[in-house]
Amino acid sequence: MDRTQLLLGLAVALFSLGLLGVIVRRNVLVMLMCMELMLNGVILSLVTFAQQTATTVGAALVFLIFVVATAEIALAIPIVLLLVREKRTLDIDAYVDLKG
């Protein structure tokens, strides 16, 4: 098995593990971490394809994705903390009344 297949297999495993965590777990913070794990799997596959084609476009796109993910986490964590302060739980089922 060559290096590209190994990295793509790892990317698929990371994405699948994150997806399983989002589906199975009901804790908001764990779900956020699992979504980040899914994002890291996508980034790893993007870097693998960029390395295989020897282009720098993939590296620039990965940098952009990291910047957006950082901004997303910087907004998501305070929102989750406010919701936890309001409802006193991290269980996702407690926030059903937020649906518009």
PDB file of N, CA and C in Angstrom:
ATOM      1  N   MET A   1       0.850  -1.167   0.000  1.00  0.00           N
ATOM      2  CA  MET A   1       0.000   0.000   0.000  1.00  0.00           C
ATOM      3  C   MET A   1       0.903   1.240   0.000  1.00  0.00           C
ATOM      4  N   ASP A   2       0.645   2.132  -0.913  1.00  0.00           N
ATOM      5  CA  ASP A   2       1.499   3.320  -0.980  1.00  0.00           C
ATOM      6  C   ASP A   2       1.014   4.391   0.002  1.00  0.00           C
ATOM      7  N   ARG A   3       1.781   5.450   0.082  1.00  0.00           N
ATOM      8  CA  ARG A   3       1.544   6.498   1.072  1.00  0.00           C
ATOM      9  C   ARG A   3       0.218   7.226   0.843  1.00  0.00           C
ATOM     10  N   THR A   4      -0.138   7.453  -0.409  1.00  0.00           N
ATOM     11  CA  THR A   4      -1.382   8.160  -0.715  1.00  0.00           C
ATOM     12  C   THR A   4      -2.590   7.374  -0.230  1.00  0.00           C
ATOM     13  N   GLN A   5      -2.609   6.095  -0.483  1.00  0.00           N
ATOM     14  CA  GLN A   5      -3.727   5.274  -0.035  1.00  0.00           C
ATOM     15  C   GLN A   5      -3.805   5.212   1.492  1.00  0.00           C
ATOM     16  N   LEU A   6      -2.651   5.174   2.136  1.00  0.00           N
ATOM     17  CA  LEU A   6      -2.626   5.150   3.593  1.00  0.00           C
ATOM     18  C   LEU A   6      -3.186   6.446   4.174  1.00  0.00           C
ATOM     19  N   LEU A   7      -2.792   7.593   3.610  1.00  0.00           N
ATOM     20  CA  LEU A   7      -3.291   8.877   4.095  1.00  0.00           C
ATOM     21  C   LEU A   7      -4.784   9.047   3.815  1.00  0.00           C
ATOM     22  N   LEU A   8      -5.225   8.605   2.657  1.00  0.00           N
ATOM     23  CA  LEU A   8      -6.657   8.690   2.349  1.00  0.00           C
ATOM     24  C   LEU A   8      -7.476   7.764   3.244  1.00  0.00           C
ATOM     25  N   GLY A   9      -6.920   6.593   3.553  1.00  0.00           N
ATOM     26  CA  GLY A   9      -7.596   5.699   4.496  1.00  0.00           C
ATOM     27  C   GLY A   9      -7.705   6.312   5.879  1.00  0.00           C
ATOM     28  N   LEU A  10      -6.645   6.994   6.307  1.00  0.00           N
ATOM     29  CA  LEU A  10      -6.678   7.683   7.587  1.00  0.00           C
ATOM     30  C   LEU A  10      -7.685   8.824   7.574  1.00  0.00           C
ATOM     31  N   ALA A  11      -7.761   9.551   6.448  1.00  0.00           N
ATOM     32  CA  ALA A  11      -8.733  10.643   6.323  1.00  0.00           C
ATOM     33  C   ALA A  11     -10.159  10.107   6.405  1.00  0.00           C
ATOM     34  N   VAL A  12     -10.423   9.004   5.731  1.00  0.00           N
ATOM     35  CA  VAL A  12     -11.757   8.394   5.783  1.00  0.00           C
ATOM     36  C   VAL A  12     -12.070   7.914   7.197  1.00  0.00           C
ATOM     37  N   ALA A  13     -11.070   7.345   7.865  1.00  0.00           N
ATOM     38  CA  ALA A  13     -11.273   6.880   9.239  1.00  0.00           C
ATOM     39  C   ALA A  13     -11.575   8.055  10.179  1.00  0.00           C
ATOM     40  N   LEU A  14     -10.850   9.159  10.037  1.00  0.00           N
ATOM     41  CA  LEU A  14     -11.106  10.335  10.862  1.00  0.00           C
ATOM     42  C   LEU A  14     -12.510  10.881  10.622  1.00  0.00           C
ATOM     43  N   PHE A  15     -12.879  10.991   9.348  1.00  0.00           N
ATOM     44  CA  PHE A  15     -14.202  11.505   9.025  1.00  0.00           C
ATOM     45  C   PHE A  15     -15.288  10.578   9.562  1.00  0.00           C
ATOM     46  N   SER A  16     -15.111   9.276   9.397  1.00  0.00           N
ATOM     47  CA  SER A  16     -16.116   8.314   9.862  1.00  0.00           C
ATOM     48  C   SER A  16     -16.240   8.320  11.379  1.00  0.00           C
ATOM     49  N   LEU A  17     -15.113   8.421  12.072  1.00  0.00           N
ATOM     50  CA  LEU A  17     -15.141   8.472  13.525  1.00  0.00           C
ATOM     51  C   LEU A  17     -15.849   9.737  14.011  1.00  0.00           C
ATOM     52  N   GLY A  18     -15.586  10.853  13.344  1.00  0.00           N
ATOM     53  CA  GLY A  18     -16.270  12.090  13.698  1.00  0.00           C
ATOM     54  C   GLY A  18     -17.764  12.014  13.425  1.00  0.00           C
ATOM     55  N   LEU A  19     -18.141  11.447  12.287  1.00  0.00           N
ATOM     56  CA  LEU A  19     -19.555  11.300  11.955  1.00  0.00           C
ATOM     57  C   LEU A  19     -20.260  10.391  12.951  1.00  0.00           C
ATOM     58  N   LEU A  20     -19.607   9.317  13.327  1.00  0.00           N
ATOM     59  CA  LEU A  20     -20.178   8.414  14.327  1.00  0.00           C
ATOM     60  C   LEU A  20     -20.360   9.129  15.663  1.00  0.00           C
ATOM     61  N   GLY A  21     -19.382   9.947  16.028  1.00  0.00           N
ATOM     62  CA  GLY A  21     -19.491  10.696  17.272  1.00  0.00           C
ATOM     63  C   GLY A  21     -20.623  11.700  17.253  1.00  0.00           C
ATOM     64  N   VAL A  22     -20.839  12.353  16.118  1.00  0.00           N
ATOM     65  CA  VAL A  22     -21.945  13.320  16.009  1.00  0.00           C
ATOM     66  C   VAL A  22     -23.285  12.605  16.093  1.00  0.00           C
ATOM     67  N   ILE A  23     -23.380  11.438  15.490  1.00  0.00           N
ATOM     68  CA  ILE A  23     -24.646  10.707  15.478  1.00  0.00           C
ATOM     69  C   ILE A  23     -24.944  10.083  16.837  1.00  0.00           C
ATOM     70  N   VAL A  24     -23.932   9.528  17.489  1.00  0.00           N
ATOM     71  CA  VAL A  24     -24.150   8.760  18.711  1.00  0.00           C
ATOM     72  C   VAL A  24     -24.231   9.634  19.955  1.00  0.00           C
ATOM     73  N   ARG A  25     -23.333  10.589  20.088  1.00  0.00           N
ATOM     74  CA  ARG A  25     -23.247  11.373  21.325  1.00  0.00           C
ATOM     75  C   ARG A  25     -24.296  12.466  21.371  1.00  0.00           C
ATOM     76  N   ARG A  26     -24.725  12.839  22.564  1.00  0.00           N
ATOM     77  CA  ARG A  26     -25.718  13.882  22.752  1.00  0.00           C
ATOM     78  C   ARG A  26     -25.153  15.088  23.494  1.00  0.00           C
ATOM     79  N   ASN A  27     -23.879  15.067  23.806  1.00  0.00           N
ATOM     80  CA  ASN A  27     -23.218  16.163  24.492  1.00  0.00           C
ATOM     81  C   ASN A  27     -22.794  17.205  23.459  1.00  0.00           C
ATOM     82  N   VAL A  28     -23.128  18.460  23.686  1.00  0.00           N
ATOM     83  CA  VAL A  28     -22.882  19.507  22.695  1.00  0.00           C
ATOM     84  C   VAL A  28     -21.385  19.698  22.450  1.00  0.00           C
ATOM     85  N   LEU A  29     -20.588  19.709  23.503  1.00  0.00           N
ATOM     86  CA  LEU A  29     -19.147  19.909  23.328  1.00  0.00           C
ATOM     87  C   LEU A  29     -18.494  18.732  22.612  1.00  0.00           C
ATOM     88  N   VAL A  30     -18.924  17.525  22.920  1.00  0.00           N
ATOM     89  CA  VAL A  30     -18.383  16.348  22.232  1.00  0.00           C
ATOM     90  C   VAL A  30     -18.776  16.367  20.756  1.00  0.00           C
ATOM     91  N   MET A  31     -19.992  16.823  20.476  1.00  0.00           N
ATOM     92  CA  MET A  31     -20.419  16.925  19.082  1.00  0.00           C
ATOM     93  C   MET A  31     -19.593  17.965  18.331  1.00  0.00           C
ATOM     94  N   LEU A  32     -19.260  19.071  18.985  1.00  0.00           N
ATOM     95  CA  LEU A  32     -18.399  20.071  18.360  1.00  0.00           C
ATOM     96  C   LEU A  32     -17.012  19.502  18.066  1.00  0.00           C
ATOM     97  N   MET A  33     -16.483  18.751  19.023  1.00  0.00           N
ATOM     98  CA  MET A  33     -15.165  18.140  18.798  1.00  0.00           C
ATOM     99  C   MET A  33     -15.211  17.111  17.674  1.00  0.00           C
ATOM    100  N   CYS A  34     -16.297  16.376  17.585  1.00  0.00           N
ATOM    101  CA  CYS A  34     -16.427  15.385  16.513  1.00  0.00           C
ATOM    102  C   CYS A  34     -16.558  16.062  15.144  1.00  0.00           C
ATOM    103  N   MET A  35     -17.222  17.214  15.111  1.00  0.00           N
ATOM    104  CA  MET A  35     -17.296  17.957  13.847  1.00  0.00           C
ATOM    105  C   MET A  35     -15.918  18.462  13.430  1.00  0.00           C
ATOM    106  N   GLU A  36     -15.112  18.862  14.398  1.00  0.00           N
ATOM    107  CA  GLU A  36     -13.738  19.274  14.089  1.00  0.00           C
ATOM    108  C   GLU A  36     -12.913  18.085  13.606  1.00  0.00           C
ATOM    109  N   LEU A  37     -13.177  16.907  14.158  1.00  0.00           N
ATOM    110  CA  LEU A  37     -12.496  15.701  13.699  1.00  0.00           C
ATOM    111  C   LEU A  37     -12.870  15.389  12.249  1.00  0.00           C
ATOM    112  N   MET A  38     -14.130  15.584  11.912  1.00  0.00           N
ATOM    113  CA  MET A  38     -14.561  15.401  10.525  1.00  0.00           C
ATOM    114  C   MET A  38     -13.866  16.400   9.607  1.00  0.00           C
ATOM    115  N   LEU A  39     -13.759  17.637  10.056  1.00  0.00           N
ATOM    116  CA  LEU A  39     -13.086  18.667   9.272  1.00  0.00           C
ATOM    117  C   LEU A  39     -11.608  18.318   9.070  1.00  0.00           C
ATOM    118  N   ASN A  40     -10.977  17.772  10.095  1.00  0.00           N
ATOM    119  CA  ASN A  40      -9.573  17.374   9.964  1.00  0.00           C
ATOM    120  C   ASN A  40      -9.402  16.220   8.977  1.00  0.00           C
ATOM    121  N   GLY A  41     -10.380  15.326   8.909  1.00  0.00           N
ATOM    122  CA  GLY A  41     -10.333  14.263   7.915  1.00  0.00           C
ATOM    123  C   GLY A  41     -10.420  14.810   6.498  1.00  0.00           C
ATOM    124  N   VAL A  42     -11.283  15.796   6.299  1.00  0.00           N
ATOM    125  CA  VAL A  42     -11.408  16.427   4.980  1.00  0.00           C
ATOM    126  C   VAL A  42     -10.126  17.171   4.622  1.00  0.00           C
ATOM    127  N   ILE A  43      -9.551  17.864   5.595  1.00  0.00           N
ATOM    128  CA  ILE A  43      -8.313  18.607   5.350  1.00  0.00           C
ATOM    129  C   ILE A  43      -7.173  17.658   5.012  1.00  0.00           C
ATOM    130  N   LEU A  44      -7.110  16.520   5.704  1.00  0.00           N
ATOM    131  CA  LEU A  44      -6.055  15.551   5.404  1.00  0.00           C
ATOM    132  C   LEU A  44      -6.186  15.005   3.984  1.00  0.00           C
ATOM    133  N   SER A  45      -7.404  14.749   3.537  1.00  0.00           N
ATOM    134  CA  SER A  45      -7.570  14.280   2.158  1.00  0.00           C
ATOM    135  C   SER A  45      -7.212  15.374   1.159  1.00  0.00           C
ATOM    136  N   LEU A  46      -7.544  16.612   1.474  1.00  0.00           N
ATOM    137  CA  LEU A  46      -7.193  17.736   0.609  1.00  0.00           C
ATOM    138  C   LEU A  46      -5.681  17.906   0.505  1.00  0.00           C
ATOM    139  N   VAL A  47      -4.991  17.796   1.620  1.00  0.00           N
ATOM    140  CA  VAL A  47      -3.531  17.893   1.611  1.00  0.00           C
ATOM    141  C   VAL A  47      -2.915  16.724   0.847  1.00  0.00           C
ATOM    142  N   THR A  48      -3.493  15.556   0.989  1.00  0.00           N
ATOM    143  CA  THR A  48      -2.982  14.388   0.274  1.00  0.00           C
ATOM    144  C   THR A  48      -3.108  14.569  -1.230  1.00  0.00           C
ATOM    145  N   PHE A  49      -4.258  15.039  -1.681  1.00  0.00           N
ATOM    146  CA  PHE A  49      -4.429  15.264  -3.117  1.00  0.00           C
ATOM    147  C   PHE A  49      -3.550  16.407  -3.624  1.00  0.00           C
ATOM    148  N   ALA A  50      -3.356  17.438  -2.803  1.00  0.00           N
ATOM    149  CA  ALA A  50      -2.480  18.535  -3.208  1.00  0.00           C
ATOM    150  C   ALA A  50      -1.035  18.057  -3.308  1.00  0.00           C
ATOM    151  N   GLN A  51      -0.630  17.205  -2.393  1.00  0.00           N
ATOM    152  CA  GLN A  51       0.737  16.663  -2.441  1.00  0.00           C
ATOM    153  C   GLN A  51       0.914  15.728  -3.629  1.00  0.00           C
ATOM    154  N   GLN A  52      -0.102  14.982  -3.950  1.00  0.00           N
ATOM    155  CA  GLN A  52      -0.023  14.050  -5.067  1.00  0.00           C
ATOM    156  C   GLN A  52       0.071  14.783  -6.401  1.00  0.00           C
ATOM    157  N   THR A  53      -0.627  15.916  -6.529  1.00  0.00           N
ATOM    158  CA  THR A  53      -0.593  16.670  -7.779  1.00  0.00           C
ATOM    159  C   THR A  53       0.488  17.737  -7.796  1.00  0.00           C
ATOM    160  N   ALA A  54       1.188  17.905  -6.666  1.00  0.00           N
ATOM    161  CA  ALA A  54       2.301  18.866  -6.536  1.00  0.00           C
ATOM    162  C   ALA A  54       1.852  20.294  -6.847  1.00  0.00           C
ATOM    163  N   THR A  55       0.711  20.688  -6.263  1.00  0.00           N
ATOM    164  CA  THR A  55       0.221  22.054  -6.416  1.00  0.00           C
ATOM    165  C   THR A  55       0.186  22.737  -5.054  1.00  0.00           C
ATOM    166  N   THR A  56       0.226  24.055  -5.081  1.00  0.00           N
ATOM    167  CA  THR A  56       0.151  24.815  -3.835  1.00  0.00           C
ATOM    168  C   THR A  56      -1.259  25.319  -3.551  1.00  0.00           C
ATOM    169  N   VAL A  57      -2.163  25.088  -4.476  1.00  0.00           N
ATOM    170  CA  VAL A  57      -3.541  25.541  -4.288  1.00  0.00           C
ATOM    171  C   VAL A  57      -4.172  24.822  -3.093  1.00  0.00           C
ATOM    172  N   GLY A  58      -3.871  23.548  -2.937  1.00  0.00           N
ATOM    173  CA  GLY A  58      -4.416  22.789  -1.810  1.00  0.00           C
ATOM    174  C   GLY A  58      -3.939  23.321  -0.480  1.00  0.00           C
ATOM    175  N   ALA A  59      -2.674  23.708  -0.398  1.00  0.00           N
ATOM    176  CA  ALA A  59      -2.135  24.258   0.852  1.00  0.00           C
ATOM    177  C   ALA A  59      -2.794  25.593   1.182  1.00  0.00           C
ATOM    178  N   ALA A  60      -3.022  26.403   0.177  1.00  0.00           N
ATOM    179  CA  ALA A  60      -3.697  27.686   0.411  1.00  0.00           C
ATOM    180  C   ALA A  60      -5.139  27.468   0.865  1.00  0.00           C
ATOM    181  N   LEU A  61      -5.802  26.487   0.279  1.00  0.00           N
ATOM    182  CA  LEU A  61      -7.169  26.180   0.675  1.00  0.00           C
ATOM    183  C   LEU A  61      -7.224  25.639   2.104  1.00  0.00           C
ATOM    184  N   VAL A  62      -6.250  24.824   2.476  1.00  0.00           N
ATOM    185  CA  VAL A  62      -6.187  24.304   3.842  1.00  0.00           C
ATOM    186  C   VAL A  62      -5.995  25.447   4.835  1.00  0.00           C
ATOM    187  N   PHE A  63      -5.139  26.403   4.499  1.00  0.00           N
ATOM    188  CA  PHE A  63      -4.938  27.556   5.372  1.00  0.00           C
ATOM    189  C   PHE A  63      -6.242  28.329   5.536  1.00  0.00           C
ATOM    190  N   LEU A  64      -6.966  28.523   4.463  1.00  0.00           N
ATOM    191  CA  LEU A  64      -8.250  29.220   4.524  1.00  0.00           C
ATOM    192  C   LEU A  64      -9.254  28.450   5.379  1.00  0.00           C
ATOM    193  N   ILE A  65      -9.278  27.141   5.245  1.00  0.00           N
ATOM    194  CA  ILE A  65     -10.197  26.321   6.036  1.00  0.00           C
ATOM    195  C   ILE A  65      -9.850  26.411   7.515  1.00  0.00           C
ATOM    196  N   PHE A  66      -8.555  26.416   7.849  1.00  0.00           N
ATOM    197  CA  PHE A  66      -8.158  26.547   9.247  1.00  0.00           C
ATOM    198  C   PHE A  66      -8.576  27.897   9.827  1.00  0.00           C
ATOM    199  N   VAL A  67      -8.468  28.951   9.044  1.00  0.00           N
ATOM    200  CA  VAL A  67      -8.881  30.278   9.519  1.00  0.00           C
ATOM    201  C   VAL A  67     -10.385  30.307   9.773  1.00  0.00           C
ATOM    202  N   VAL A  68     -11.159  29.754   8.857  1.00  0.00           N
ATOM    203  CA  VAL A  68     -12.617  29.736   9.023  1.00  0.00           C
ATOM    204  C   VAL A  68     -13.014  28.840  10.200  1.00  0.00           C
ATOM    205  N   ALA A  69     -12.335  27.702  10.359  1.00  0.00           N
ATOM    206  CA  ALA A  69     -12.642  26.803  11.478  1.00  0.00           C
ATOM    207  C   ALA A  69     -12.313  27.459  12.815  1.00  0.00           C
ATOM    208  N   THR A  70     -11.243  28.235  12.861  1.00  0.00           N
ATOM    209  CA  THR A  70     -10.892  28.944  14.090  1.00  0.00           C
ATOM    210  C   THR A  70     -11.957  29.981  14.437  1.00  0.00           C
ATOM    211  N   ALA A  71     -12.414  30.700  13.437  1.00  0.00           N
ATOM    212  CA  ALA A  71     -13.480  31.683  13.671  1.00  0.00           C
ATOM    213  C   ALA A  71     -14.775  30.992  14.101  1.00  0.00           C
ATOM    214  N   GLU A  72     -15.047  29.850  13.515  1.00  0.00           N
ATOM    215  CA  GLU A  72     -16.257  29.108  13.866  1.00  0.00           C
ATOM    216  C   GLU A  72     -16.209  28.638  15.318  1.00  0.00           C
ATOM    217  N   ILE A  73     -15.081  28.133  15.748  1.00  0.00           N
ATOM    218  CA  ILE A  73     -14.946  27.681  17.130  1.00  0.00           C
ATOM    219  C   ILE A  73     -14.973  28.869  18.086  1.00  0.00           C
ATOM    220  N   ALA A  74     -14.369  29.986  17.666  1.00  0.00           N
ATOM    221  CA  ALA A  74     -14.381  31.183  18.516  1.00  0.00           C
ATOM    222  C   ALA A  74     -15.798  31.701  18.726  1.00  0.00           C
ATOM    223  N   LEU A  75     -16.696  31.436  17.805  1.00  0.00           N
ATOM    224  CA  LEU A  75     -18.098  31.822  17.967  1.00  0.00           C
ATOM    225  C   LEU A  75     -18.933  30.729  18.627  1.00  0.00           C
ATOM    226  N   ALA A  76     -18.632  29.482  18.340  1.00  0.00           N
ATOM    227  CA  ALA A  76     -19.462  28.377  18.830  1.00  0.00           C
ATOM    228  C   ALA A  76     -19.293  28.146  20.326  1.00  0.00           C
ATOM    229  N   ILE A  77     -18.075  28.234  20.833  1.00  0.00           N
ATOM    230  CA  ILE A  77     -17.843  27.961  22.251  1.00  0.00           C
ATOM    231  C   ILE A  77     -18.583  28.961  23.154  1.00  0.00           C
ATOM    232  N   PRO A  78     -18.507  30.273  22.897  1.00  0.00           N
ATOM    233  CA  PRO A  78     -19.299  31.178  23.753  1.00  0.00           C
ATOM    234  C   PRO A  78     -20.808  30.963  23.646  1.00  0.00           C
ATOM    235  N   ILE A  79     -21.294  30.618  22.471  1.00  0.00           N
ATOM    236  CA  ILE A  79     -22.728  30.336  22.324  1.00  0.00           C
ATOM    237  C   ILE A  79     -23.117  29.119  23.147  1.00  0.00           C
ATOM    238  N   VAL A  80     -22.298  28.078  23.086  1.00  0.00           N
ATOM    239  CA  VAL A  80     -22.565  26.871  23.874  1.00  0.00           C
ATOM    240  C   VAL A  80     -22.507  27.188  25.362  1.00  0.00           C
ATOM    241  N   LEU A  81     -21.539  27.992  25.765  1.00  0.00           N
ATOM    242  CA  LEU A  81     -21.447  28.352  27.182  1.00  0.00           C
ATOM    243  C   LEU A  81     -22.668  29.147  27.651  1.00  0.00           C
ATOM    244  N   LEU A  82     -23.172  30.035  26.817  1.00  0.00           N
ATOM    245  CA  LEU A  82     -24.391  30.769  27.166  1.00  0.00           C
ATOM    246  C   LEU A  82     -25.604  29.843  27.268  1.00  0.00           C
ATOM    247  N   LEU A  83     -25.690  28.886  26.347  1.00  0.00           N
ATOM    248  CA  LEU A  83     -26.799  27.934  26.401  1.00  0.00           C
ATOM    249  C   LEU A  83     -26.708  27.052  27.635  1.00  0.00           C
ATOM    250  N   VAL A  84     -25.506  26.641  27.994  1.00  0.00           N
ATOM    251  CA  VAL A  84     -25.330  25.811  29.186  1.00  0.00           C
ATOM    252  C   VAL A  84     -25.682  26.607  30.436  1.00  0.00           C
ATOM    253  N   ARG A  85     -25.305  27.871  30.469  1.00  0.00           N
ATOM    254  CA  ARG A  85     -25.643  28.711  31.608  1.00  0.00           C
ATOM    255  C   ARG A  85     -27.164  28.868  31.731  1.00  0.00           C
ATOM    256  N   GLU A  86     -27.844  28.911  30.594  1.00  0.00           N
ATOM    257  CA  GLU A  86     -29.305  29.075  30.605  1.00  0.00           C
ATOM    258  C   GLU A  86     -30.023  27.779  30.991  1.00  0.00           C
ATOM    259  N   LYS A  87     -29.633  26.661  30.402  1.00  0.00           N
ATOM    260  CA  LYS A  87     -30.352  25.394  30.595  1.00  0.00           C
ATOM    261  C   LYS A  87     -29.734  24.479  31.651  1.00  0.00           C
ATOM    262  N   ARG A  88     -28.504  24.731  32.058  1.00  0.00           N
ATOM    263  CA  ARG A  88     -27.791  23.935  33.057  1.00  0.00           C
ATOM    264  C   ARG A  88     -27.532  22.498  32.621  1.00  0.00           C
ATOM    265  N   THR A  89     -27.405  22.271  31.305  1.00  0.00           N
ATOM    266  CA  THR A  89     -27.086  20.940  30.800  1.00  0.00           C
ATOM    267  C   THR A  89     -26.378  21.050  29.456  1.00  0.00           C
ATOM    268  N   LEU A  90     -25.601  20.012  29.137  1.00  0.00           N
ATOM    269  CA  LEU A  90     -24.933  19.940  27.833  1.00  0.00           C
ATOM    270  C   LEU A  90     -25.672  19.009  26.873  1.00  0.00           C
ATOM    271  N   ASP A  91     -26.783  18.445  27.316  1.00  0.00           N
ATOM    272  CA  ASP A  91     -27.544  17.517  26.491  1.00  0.00           C
ATOM    273  C   ASP A  91     -28.232  18.277  25.357  1.00  0.00           C
ATOM    274  N   ILE A  92     -28.076  17.784  24.138  1.00  0.00           N
ATOM    275  CA  ILE A  92     -28.603  18.464  22.953  1.00  0.00           C
ATOM    276  C   ILE A  92     -30.135  18.454  22.943  1.00  0.00           C
ATOM    277  N   ASP A  93     -30.758  17.478  23.592  1.00  0.00           N
ATOM    278  CA  ASP A  93     -32.221  17.401  23.595  1.00  0.00           C
ATOM    279  C   ASP A  93     -32.863  18.505  24.430  1.00  0.00           C
ATOM    280  N   ALA A  94     -32.094  19.163  25.279  1.00  0.00           N
ATOM    281  CA  ALA A  94     -32.646  20.238  26.106  1.00  0.00           C
ATOM    282  C   ALA A  94     -32.852  21.516  25.306  1.00  0.00           C
ATOM    283  N   TYR A  95     -32.285  21.571  24.108  1.00  0.00           N
ATOM    284  CA  TYR A  95     -32.357  22.789  23.301  1.00  0.00           C
ATOM    285  C   TYR A  95     -33.358  22.691  22.164  1.00  0.00           C
ATOM    286  N   VAL A  96     -34.371  21.839  22.313  1.00  0.00           N
ATOM    287  CA  VAL A  96     -35.360  21.645  21.252  1.00  0.00           C
ATOM    288  C   VAL A  96     -36.198  22.907  21.060  1.00  0.00           C
ATOM    289  N   ASP A  97     -36.371  23.684  22.114  1.00  0.00           N
ATOM    290  CA  ASP A  97     -37.196  24.891  22.001  1.00  0.00           C
ATOM    291  C   ASP A  97     -36.529  25.993  21.200  1.00  0.00           C
ATOM    292  N   LEU A  98     -35.259  25.822  20.808  1.00  0.00           N
ATOM    293  CA  LEU A  98     -34.557  26.819  20.013  1.00  0.00           C
ATOM    294  C   LEU A  98     -34.853  26.698  18.521  1.00  0.00           C
ATOM    295  N   LYS A  99     -35.514  25.619  18.122  1.00  0.00           N
ATOM    296  CA  LYS A  99     -35.820  25.440  16.710  1.00  0.00           C
ATOM    297  C   LYS A  99     -36.789  26.522  16.252  1.00  0.00           C
ATOM    298  N   GLY A 100     -36.476  27.140  15.091  1.00  0.00           N
ATOM    299  CA  GLY A 100     -37.285  28.237  14.613  1.00  0.00           C
ATOM    300  C   GLY A 100     -38.410  27.774  13.815  1.00  0.00           C
TER     301      GLY A 100
END
